[in-house]
């Protein structure tokens, strides 16, 4: 049965109020159902449409829950996607403003910048032709839901728990190694806190990109040239401590750094 529009609106407003006030809210699964993913994406879209109407701009997408380690951390069993907005980009900032975040965690990822619009389904074989640049990056995930008490529907509705992101070193797409075999390490104030490899991201970041491109088309969206795609975690995410510095190194790609304000 189709979830009624007022229920979608109630769930969207619960999440939007948490973002506005900085106070995490209760899960929305009591409104839309734990397993109603289509309803969850409708909630996500309603809030994104509202933010765009207020002047924010879509600059890309993210694939979430691609790493088995992260799925285990959150108790889910499949990926999801969210929308990146212009003010989420902290690339080049001296510090990431910790006060913008409610209960942040950080994960190391490979990011792509698109060379072409994607208007039809793609395969792993032809995916590279849609990418111009490859970056080492951080996604700072966040949840508007108290204590990260989320089901899959909760995180989807909450824009896939999107927060902020940082792009680091860049490589031309033609110069990158086989992304399945790249190795990632992450440090917190110089101490290693996470590690993983390309194959931990849905088998390959290319696979995650293909999944994202195709699922967004199913939900009526087109990925555009110049947009950023965060392909998903290469290893376990780590809670952020204000005042700390996080560095990731991804073999064959480079490094990224995120310094959080105290």
C-alpha atoms as a PDB file:
ATOM      1  CA  UNK A   1       0.000   0.000   0.000  1.00  0.00           C
ATOM      2  CA  UNK A   2       1.328   3.443  -0.865  1.00  0.00           C
ATOM      3  CA  UNK A   3       2.419   5.448   2.162  1.00  0.00           C
ATOM      4  CA  UNK A   4       0.173   8.500   2.523  1.00  0.00           C
ATOM      5  CA  UNK A   5       1.657  11.890   1.678  1.00  0.00           C
ATOM      6  CA  UNK A   6       1.020  13.302   5.159  1.00  0.00           C
ATOM      7  CA  UNK A   7       3.088  10.472   6.659  1.00  0.00           C
ATOM      8  CA  UNK A   8       5.949  11.226   4.266  1.00  0.00           C
ATOM      9  CA  UNK A   9       5.663  14.885   5.256  1.00  0.00           C
ATOM     10  CA  UNK A  10       5.675  14.063   8.972  1.00  0.00           C
ATOM     11  CA  UNK A  11       8.807  11.942   8.618  1.00  0.00           C
ATOM     12  CA  UNK A  12      10.542  14.622   6.559  1.00  0.00           C
ATOM     13  CA  UNK A  13       9.696  17.326   9.077  1.00  0.00           C
ATOM     14  CA  UNK A  14      10.979  15.235  11.991  1.00  0.00           C
ATOM     15  CA  UNK A  15      14.373  14.941  10.293  1.00  0.00           C
ATOM     16  CA  UNK A  16      14.408  18.546   9.093  1.00  0.00           C
ATOM     17  CA  UNK A  17      13.639  19.809  12.602  1.00  0.00           C
ATOM     18  CA  UNK A  18      16.528  17.786  14.005  1.00  0.00           C
ATOM     19  CA  UNK A  19      18.853  19.380  11.455  1.00  0.00           C
ATOM     20  CA  UNK A  20      17.533  22.894  12.184  1.00  0.00           C
ATOM     21  CA  UNK A  21      17.731  22.627  15.954  1.00  0.00           C
ATOM     22  CA  UNK A  22      20.840  20.472  16.272  1.00  0.00           C
ATOM     23  CA  UNK A  23      18.883  18.038  18.435  1.00  0.00           C
ATOM     24  CA  UNK A  24      18.757  14.415  17.180  1.00  0.00           C
ATOM     25  CA  UNK A  25      15.287  12.953  16.800  1.00  0.00           C
ATOM     26  CA  UNK A  26      13.585   9.608  17.148  1.00  0.00           C
ATOM     27  CA  UNK A  27      13.772   7.190  14.178  1.00  0.00           C
ATOM     28  CA  UNK A  28      11.188   7.641  11.427  1.00  0.00           C
ATOM     29  CA  UNK A  29      10.529   3.928  10.905  1.00  0.00           C
ATOM     30  CA  UNK A  30       7.491   4.212  13.165  1.00  0.00           C
ATOM     31  CA  UNK A  31       5.981   6.446  10.463  1.00  0.00           C
ATOM     32  CA  UNK A  32       7.138   4.885   7.197  1.00  0.00           C
ATOM     33  CA  UNK A  33       8.009   1.316   8.208  1.00  0.00           C
ATOM     34  CA  UNK A  34      11.368  -0.332   8.689  1.00  0.00           C
ATOM     35  CA  UNK A  35      11.390  -1.982   5.245  1.00  0.00           C
ATOM     36  CA  UNK A  36       9.604   0.605   3.071  1.00  0.00           C
ATOM     37  CA  UNK A  37      12.629   1.847   1.122  1.00  0.00           C
ATOM     38  CA  UNK A  38      10.566   3.579  -1.553  1.00  0.00           C
ATOM     39  CA  UNK A  39       8.828   5.644   1.131  1.00  0.00           C
ATOM     40  CA  UNK A  40      12.221   6.430   2.669  1.00  0.00           C
ATOM     41  CA  UNK A  41      13.522   7.801  -0.631  1.00  0.00           C
ATOM     42  CA  UNK A  42      10.367   9.909  -0.922  1.00  0.00           C
ATOM     43  CA  UNK A  43      11.175  11.419   2.482  1.00  0.00           C
ATOM     44  CA  UNK A  44      14.757  12.049   1.373  1.00  0.00           C
ATOM     45  CA  UNK A  45      13.606  13.751  -1.832  1.00  0.00           C
ATOM     46  CA  UNK A  46      11.090  15.938  -0.030  1.00  0.00           C
ATOM     47  CA  UNK A  47      13.767  17.350   2.257  1.00  0.00           C
ATOM     48  CA  UNK A  48      16.323  17.748  -0.546  1.00  0.00           C
ATOM     49  CA  UNK A  49      13.727  19.569  -2.676  1.00  0.00           C
ATOM     50  CA  UNK A  50      13.109  21.925   0.217  1.00  0.00           C
ATOM     51  CA  UNK A  51      16.817  22.655   0.680  1.00  0.00           C
ATOM     52  CA  UNK A  52      17.261  23.302  -3.051  1.00  0.00           C
ATOM     53  CA  UNK A  53      14.261  25.643  -2.997  1.00  0.00           C
ATOM     54  CA  UNK A  54      15.959  27.559  -0.173  1.00  0.00           C
ATOM     55  CA  UNK A  55      19.044  28.153  -2.321  1.00  0.00           C
ATOM     56  CA  UNK A  56      21.302  25.152  -1.872  1.00  0.00           C
ATOM     57  CA  UNK A  57      22.601  23.376  -4.965  1.00  0.00           C
ATOM     58  CA  UNK A  58      23.032  19.678  -5.804  1.00  0.00           C
ATOM     59  CA  UNK A  59      26.684  18.916  -6.619  1.00  0.00           C
ATOM     60  CA  UNK A  60      26.681  15.109  -6.647  1.00  0.00           C
ATOM     61  CA  UNK A  61      25.655  11.875  -4.978  1.00  0.00           C
ATOM     62  CA  UNK A  62      27.044   9.432  -2.455  1.00  0.00           C
ATOM     63  CA  UNK A  63      26.850   5.703  -2.199  1.00  0.00           C
ATOM     64  CA  UNK A  64      26.472   4.528   1.371  1.00  0.00           C
ATOM     65  CA  UNK A  65      26.688   1.222   3.215  1.00  0.00           C
ATOM     66  CA  UNK A  66      29.022  -0.316   0.622  1.00  0.00           C
ATOM     67  CA  UNK A  67      31.493  -1.802   3.097  1.00  0.00           C
ATOM     68  CA  UNK A  68      30.628  -5.044   4.931  1.00  0.00           C
ATOM     69  CA  UNK A  69      32.317  -3.552   7.999  1.00  0.00           C
ATOM     70  CA  UNK A  70      30.060  -0.491   7.927  1.00  0.00           C
ATOM     71  CA  UNK A  71      26.958  -2.582   7.236  1.00  0.00           C
ATOM     72  CA  UNK A  72      27.851  -4.648  10.307  1.00  0.00           C
ATOM     73  CA  UNK A  73      28.413  -1.494  12.362  1.00  0.00           C
ATOM     74  CA  UNK A  74      24.929  -0.211  11.505  1.00  0.00           C
ATOM     75  CA  UNK A  75      23.060  -3.495  11.288  1.00  0.00           C
ATOM     76  CA  UNK A  76      22.003  -3.227   7.629  1.00  0.00           C
ATOM     77  CA  UNK A  77      22.569  -5.496   4.656  1.00  0.00           C
ATOM     78  CA  UNK A  78      22.450  -3.399   1.461  1.00  0.00           C
ATOM     79  CA  UNK A  79      23.751  -0.098   0.068  1.00  0.00           C
ATOM     80  CA  UNK A  80      21.873   3.153  -0.242  1.00  0.00           C
ATOM     81  CA  UNK A  81      22.422   6.566  -1.808  1.00  0.00           C
ATOM     82  CA  UNK A  82      22.146  10.206  -0.841  1.00  0.00           C
ATOM     83  CA  UNK A  83      22.502  13.666  -2.348  1.00  0.00           C
ATOM     84  CA  UNK A  84      25.515  15.971  -1.975  1.00  0.00           C
ATOM     85  CA  UNK A  85      24.784  19.683  -1.657  1.00  0.00           C
ATOM     86  CA  UNK A  86      27.200  22.537  -2.285  1.00  0.00           C
ATOM     87  CA  UNK A  87      27.696  23.505   1.358  1.00  0.00           C
ATOM     88  CA  UNK A  88      28.706  19.960   2.295  1.00  0.00           C
ATOM     89  CA  UNK A  89      32.026  20.408   0.486  1.00  0.00           C
ATOM     90  CA  UNK A  90      34.790  21.250   2.976  1.00  0.00           C
ATOM     91  CA  UNK A  91      37.651  20.741   0.506  1.00  0.00           C
ATOM     92  CA  UNK A  92      40.348  23.320   1.128  1.00  0.00           C
ATOM     93  CA  UNK A  93      38.939  24.482   4.471  1.00  0.00           C
ATOM     94  CA  UNK A  94      41.558  24.923   7.190  1.00  0.00           C
ATOM     95  CA  UNK A  95      39.186  23.187   9.586  1.00  0.00           C
ATOM     96  CA  UNK A  96      35.933  21.279   9.414  1.00  0.00           C
ATOM     97  CA  UNK A  97      33.472  23.117  11.653  1.00  0.00           C
ATOM     98  CA  UNK A  98      32.503  20.541  14.264  1.00  0.00           C
ATOM     99  CA  UNK A  99      29.521  22.624  15.367  1.00  0.00           C
ATOM    100  CA  UNK A 100      27.792  21.886  12.040  1.00  0.00           C
ATOM    101  CA  UNK A 101      27.550  18.216  12.999  1.00  0.00           C
ATOM    102  CA  UNK A 102      25.398  16.318  15.477  1.00  0.00           C
ATOM    103  CA  UNK A 103      27.073  12.926  15.960  1.00  0.00           C
ATOM    104  CA  UNK A 104      29.656  12.597  13.188  1.00  0.00           C
ATOM    105  CA  UNK A 105      31.683   9.635  12.026  1.00  0.00           C
ATOM    106  CA  UNK A 106      34.361   9.648   9.332  1.00  0.00           C
ATOM    107  CA  UNK A 107      35.189   7.158   6.593  1.00  0.00           C
ATOM    108  CA  UNK A 108      37.790   7.059   3.831  1.00  0.00           C
ATOM    109  CA  UNK A 109      36.544   6.766   0.263  1.00  0.00           C
ATOM    110  CA  UNK A 110      37.464   7.116  -3.381  1.00  0.00           C
ATOM    111  CA  UNK A 111      35.588   9.947  -5.088  1.00  0.00           C
ATOM    112  CA  UNK A 112      34.951  10.477  -8.794  1.00  0.00           C
ATOM    113  CA  UNK A 113      34.190  13.635 -10.754  1.00  0.00           C
ATOM    114  CA  UNK A 114      32.008  12.947 -13.766  1.00  0.00           C
ATOM    115  CA  UNK A 115      33.031  13.786 -17.319  1.00  0.00           C
ATOM    116  CA  UNK A 116      29.608  13.173 -18.891  1.00  0.00           C
ATOM    117  CA  UNK A 117      25.943  13.027 -17.992  1.00  0.00           C
ATOM    118  CA  UNK A 118      24.649   9.522 -17.282  1.00  0.00           C
ATOM    119  CA  UNK A 119      21.246   9.255 -18.923  1.00  0.00           C
ATOM    120  CA  UNK A 120      21.027   5.471 -19.442  1.00  0.00           C
ATOM    121  CA  UNK A 121      22.096   2.415 -17.437  1.00  0.00           C
ATOM    122  CA  UNK A 122      25.833   1.703 -17.427  1.00  0.00           C
ATOM    123  CA  UNK A 123      28.042  -1.326 -16.807  1.00  0.00           C
ATOM    124  CA  UNK A 124      31.388  -1.696 -15.067  1.00  0.00           C
ATOM    125  CA  UNK A 125      33.050  -2.032 -18.471  1.00  0.00           C
ATOM    126  CA  UNK A 126      31.930   1.379 -19.703  1.00  0.00           C
ATOM    127  CA  UNK A 127      31.861   3.192 -16.334  1.00  0.00           C
ATOM    128  CA  UNK A 128      35.371   4.736 -16.639  1.00  0.00           C
ATOM    129  CA  UNK A 129      34.355   6.750 -19.697  1.00  0.00           C
ATOM    130  CA  UNK A 130      32.007   8.757 -17.459  1.00  0.00           C
ATOM    131  CA  UNK A 131      34.784   9.743 -15.021  1.00  0.00           C
ATOM    132  CA  UNK A 132      37.449  12.421 -15.458  1.00  0.00           C
ATOM    133  CA  UNK A 133      39.106  12.673 -12.029  1.00  0.00           C
ATOM    134  CA  UNK A 134      39.671  10.295  -9.106  1.00  0.00           C
ATOM    135  CA  UNK A 135      40.283  11.561  -5.564  1.00  0.00           C
ATOM    136  CA  UNK A 136      41.272  10.262  -2.175  1.00  0.00           C
ATOM    137  CA  UNK A 137      38.529  11.600   0.068  1.00  0.00           C
ATOM    138  CA  UNK A 138      36.762  11.637   3.388  1.00  0.00           C
ATOM    139  CA  UNK A 139      33.045  11.474   3.930  1.00  0.00           C
ATOM    140  CA  UNK A 140      31.939  12.781   7.301  1.00  0.00           C
ATOM    141  CA  UNK A 141      28.692  10.953   7.872  1.00  0.00           C
ATOM    142  CA  UNK A 142      26.162  12.231  10.377  1.00  0.00           C
ATOM    143  CA  UNK A 143      22.774  11.177  11.643  1.00  0.00           C
ATOM    144  CA  UNK A 144      19.853  13.319  12.614  1.00  0.00           C
ATOM    145  CA  UNK A 145      18.526  10.252  14.463  1.00  0.00           C
ATOM    146  CA  UNK A 146      19.484   9.948  18.112  1.00  0.00           C
ATOM    147  CA  UNK A 147      22.258   7.490  18.983  1.00  0.00           C
ATOM    148  CA  UNK A 148      22.470   6.265  15.372  1.00  0.00           C
ATOM    149  CA  UNK A 149      19.467   4.057  16.137  1.00  0.00           C
ATOM    150  CA  UNK A 150      18.759   3.412  12.469  1.00  0.00           C
ATOM    151  CA  UNK A 151      17.211   0.840  10.213  1.00  0.00           C
ATOM    152  CA  UNK A 152      17.873   0.991   6.470  1.00  0.00           C
ATOM    153  CA  UNK A 153      14.701   3.036   5.982  1.00  0.00           C
ATOM    154  CA  UNK A 154      15.820   5.520   8.643  1.00  0.00           C
ATOM    155  CA  UNK A 155      19.188   6.222   7.074  1.00  0.00           C
ATOM    156  CA  UNK A 156      17.750   6.413   3.543  1.00  0.00           C
ATOM    157  CA  UNK A 157      15.155   8.932   4.697  1.00  0.00           C
ATOM    158  CA  UNK A 158      17.937  10.889   6.428  1.00  0.00           C
ATOM    159  CA  UNK A 159      19.723  11.451   3.085  1.00  0.00           C
ATOM    160  CA  UNK A 160      21.815   8.316   3.642  1.00  0.00           C
ATOM    161  CA  UNK A 161      23.213   9.895   6.829  1.00  0.00           C
ATOM    162  CA  UNK A 162      25.082  12.486   4.782  1.00  0.00           C
ATOM    163  CA  UNK A 163      27.078  15.195   6.502  1.00  0.00           C
ATOM    164  CA  UNK A 164      30.125  16.777   4.870  1.00  0.00           C
ATOM    165  CA  UNK A 165      33.004  15.690   2.637  1.00  0.00           C
ATOM    166  CA  UNK A 166      36.619  16.532   1.853  1.00  0.00           C
ATOM    167  CA  UNK A 167      38.447  15.819  -1.402  1.00  0.00           C
ATOM    168  CA  UNK A 168      42.208  15.255  -1.209  1.00  0.00           C
ATOM    169  CA  UNK A 169      44.805  14.246  -3.772  1.00  0.00           C
ATOM    170  CA  UNK A 170      43.617  13.918  -7.374  1.00  0.00           C
ATOM    171  CA  UNK A 171      44.589  11.566 -10.182  1.00  0.00           C
ATOM    172  CA  UNK A 172      43.460  11.558 -13.794  1.00  0.00           C
ATOM    173  CA  UNK A 173      41.150   8.624 -14.379  1.00  0.00           C
ATOM    174  CA  UNK A 174      43.570   7.102 -16.896  1.00  0.00           C
ATOM    175  CA  UNK A 175      46.404   7.132 -14.353  1.00  0.00           C
ATOM    176  CA  UNK A 176      44.739   5.224 -11.525  1.00  0.00           C
ATOM    177  CA  UNK A 177      45.537   1.602 -10.686  1.00  0.00           C
ATOM    178  CA  UNK A 178      43.043  -1.241 -10.462  1.00  0.00           C
ATOM    179  CA  UNK A 179      40.742   0.139  -7.783  1.00  0.00           C
ATOM    180  CA  UNK A 180      39.843  -3.327  -6.528  1.00  0.00           C
ATOM    181  CA  UNK A 181      43.316  -3.760  -5.098  1.00  0.00           C
ATOM    182  CA  UNK A 182      44.023  -0.332  -3.600  1.00  0.00           C
ATOM    183  CA  UNK A 183      44.746  -0.303   0.124  1.00  0.00           C
ATOM    184  CA  UNK A 184      43.499   2.318   2.585  1.00  0.00           C
ATOM    185  CA  UNK A 185      44.721   3.343   6.006  1.00  0.00           C
ATOM    186  CA  UNK A 186      43.239   6.063   8.221  1.00  0.00           C
ATOM    187  CA  UNK A 187      44.890   7.706  11.211  1.00  0.00           C
ATOM    188  CA  UNK A 188      43.505   9.814  14.049  1.00  0.00           C
ATOM    189  CA  UNK A 189      46.162  12.160  15.431  1.00  0.00           C
ATOM    190  CA  UNK A 190      48.770   9.848  13.929  1.00  0.00           C
ATOM    191  CA  UNK A 191      47.346   6.582  15.308  1.00  0.00           C
ATOM    192  CA  UNK A 192      45.878   4.107  12.827  1.00  0.00           C
ATOM    193  CA  UNK A 193      42.158   3.632  13.435  1.00  0.00           C
ATOM    194  CA  UNK A 194      40.839   2.070  10.201  1.00  0.00           C
ATOM    195  CA  UNK A 195      42.075   0.129   7.220  1.00  0.00           C
ATOM    196  CA  UNK A 196      40.574  -1.572   4.193  1.00  0.00           C
ATOM    197  CA  UNK A 197      40.853  -2.084   0.469  1.00  0.00           C
ATOM    198  CA  UNK A 198      39.037  -1.366  -2.762  1.00  0.00           C
ATOM    199  CA  UNK A 199      37.371  -4.756  -2.828  1.00  0.00           C
ATOM    200  CA  UNK A 200      35.622  -3.862   0.458  1.00  0.00           C
ATOM    201  CA  UNK A 201      33.505  -1.314  -1.462  1.00  0.00           C
ATOM    202  CA  UNK A 202      30.890  -3.542  -3.173  1.00  0.00           C
ATOM    203  CA  UNK A 203      33.800  -5.503  -4.659  1.00  0.00           C
ATOM    204  CA  UNK A 204      35.237  -2.372  -6.297  1.00  0.00           C
ATOM    205  CA  UNK A 205      34.536   1.381  -6.243  1.00  0.00           C
ATOM    206  CA  UNK A 206      33.622   0.967  -9.915  1.00  0.00           C
ATOM    207  CA  UNK A 207      30.864  -1.475  -8.917  1.00  0.00           C
ATOM    208  CA  UNK A 208      29.583   1.015  -6.340  1.00  0.00           C
ATOM    209  CA  UNK A 209      29.562   3.768  -8.969  1.00  0.00           C
ATOM    210  CA  UNK A 210      27.616   1.608 -11.419  1.00  0.00           C
ATOM    211  CA  UNK A 211      25.093   0.681  -8.729  1.00  0.00           C
ATOM    212  CA  UNK A 212      24.647   4.352  -7.850  1.00  0.00           C
ATOM    213  CA  UNK A 213      24.296   5.559 -11.445  1.00  0.00           C
ATOM    214  CA  UNK A 214      21.689   2.928 -12.234  1.00  0.00           C
ATOM    215  CA  UNK A 215      19.654   3.173  -9.034  1.00  0.00           C
ATOM    216  CA  UNK A 216      19.438   6.961  -9.256  1.00  0.00           C
ATOM    217  CA  UNK A 217      18.053   6.579 -12.778  1.00  0.00           C
ATOM    218  CA  UNK A 218      15.420   4.218 -11.413  1.00  0.00           C
ATOM    219  CA  UNK A 219      14.416   6.950  -8.962  1.00  0.00           C
ATOM    220  CA  UNK A 220      14.220   9.540 -11.726  1.00  0.00           C
ATOM    221  CA  UNK A 221      17.544  11.383 -11.329  1.00  0.00           C
ATOM    222  CA  UNK A 222      20.394  11.917 -13.773  1.00  0.00           C
ATOM    223  CA  UNK A 223      24.035  12.264 -12.727  1.00  0.00           C
ATOM    224  CA  UNK A 224      25.595  15.243 -14.499  1.00  0.00           C
ATOM    225  CA  UNK A 225      29.047  16.104 -15.825  1.00  0.00           C
ATOM    226  CA  UNK A 226      31.094  17.866 -13.158  1.00  0.00           C
ATOM    227  CA  UNK A 227      29.255  16.282 -10.254  1.00  0.00           C
ATOM    228  CA  UNK A 228      31.068  14.491  -7.430  1.00  0.00           C
ATOM    229  CA  UNK A 229      30.374  10.851  -6.598  1.00  0.00           C
ATOM    230  CA  UNK A 230      31.516   9.448  -3.263  1.00  0.00           C
ATOM    231  CA  UNK A 231      31.737   5.736  -3.977  1.00  0.00           C
ATOM    232  CA  UNK A 232      31.558   4.430  -0.411  1.00  0.00           C
ATOM    233  CA  UNK A 233      33.678   3.419   2.548  1.00  0.00           C
ATOM    234  CA  UNK A 234      36.843   1.393   2.041  1.00  0.00           C
ATOM    235  CA  UNK A 235      36.844   0.301   5.671  1.00  0.00           C
ATOM    236  CA  UNK A 236      35.183   0.840   9.059  1.00  0.00           C
ATOM    237  CA  UNK A 237      33.984   4.334   9.942  1.00  0.00           C
ATOM    238  CA  UNK A 238      35.331   6.025  13.056  1.00  0.00           C
ATOM    239  CA  UNK A 239      33.604   8.453  15.463  1.00  0.00           C
ATOM    240  CA  UNK A 240      34.938  11.997  15.079  1.00  0.00           C
ATOM    241  CA  UNK A 241      36.570  13.726  18.043  1.00  0.00           C
ATOM    242  CA  UNK A 242      36.498  17.545  17.800  1.00  0.00           C
ATOM    243  CA  UNK A 243      39.991  19.004  17.681  1.00  0.00           C
ATOM    244  CA  UNK A 244      41.496  15.870  16.141  1.00  0.00           C
ATOM    245  CA  UNK A 245      43.141  15.423  12.746  1.00  0.00           C
ATOM    246  CA  UNK A 246      42.309  12.544  10.412  1.00  0.00           C
ATOM    247  CA  UNK A 247      44.487  11.460   7.488  1.00  0.00           C
ATOM    248  CA  UNK A 248      43.786   8.735   4.958  1.00  0.00           C
ATOM    249  CA  UNK A 249      46.247   7.277   2.492  1.00  0.00           C
ATOM    250  CA  UNK A 250      44.970   5.240  -0.450  1.00  0.00           C
ATOM    251  CA  UNK A 251      47.608   3.396  -2.438  1.00  0.00           C
ATOM    252  CA  UNK A 252      47.981   4.599  -6.010  1.00  0.00           C
ATOM    253  CA  UNK A 253      45.670   7.572  -5.397  1.00  0.00           C
ATOM    254  CA  UNK A 254      47.127   9.708  -2.597  1.00  0.00           C
ATOM    255  CA  UNK A 255      45.955  11.150   0.710  1.00  0.00           C
ATOM    256  CA  UNK A 256      43.271  13.363   2.232  1.00  0.00           C
ATOM    257  CA  UNK A 257      43.266  15.278   5.502  1.00  0.00           C
ATOM    258  CA  UNK A 258      40.413  16.519   7.690  1.00  0.00           C
ATOM    259  CA  UNK A 259      41.152  18.739  10.703  1.00  0.00           C
ATOM    260  CA  UNK A 260      38.155  19.247  12.999  1.00  0.00           C
ATOM    261  CA  UNK A 261      37.650  22.376  15.072  1.00  0.00           C
ATOM    262  CA  UNK A 262      37.780  21.895  18.824  1.00  0.00           C
END
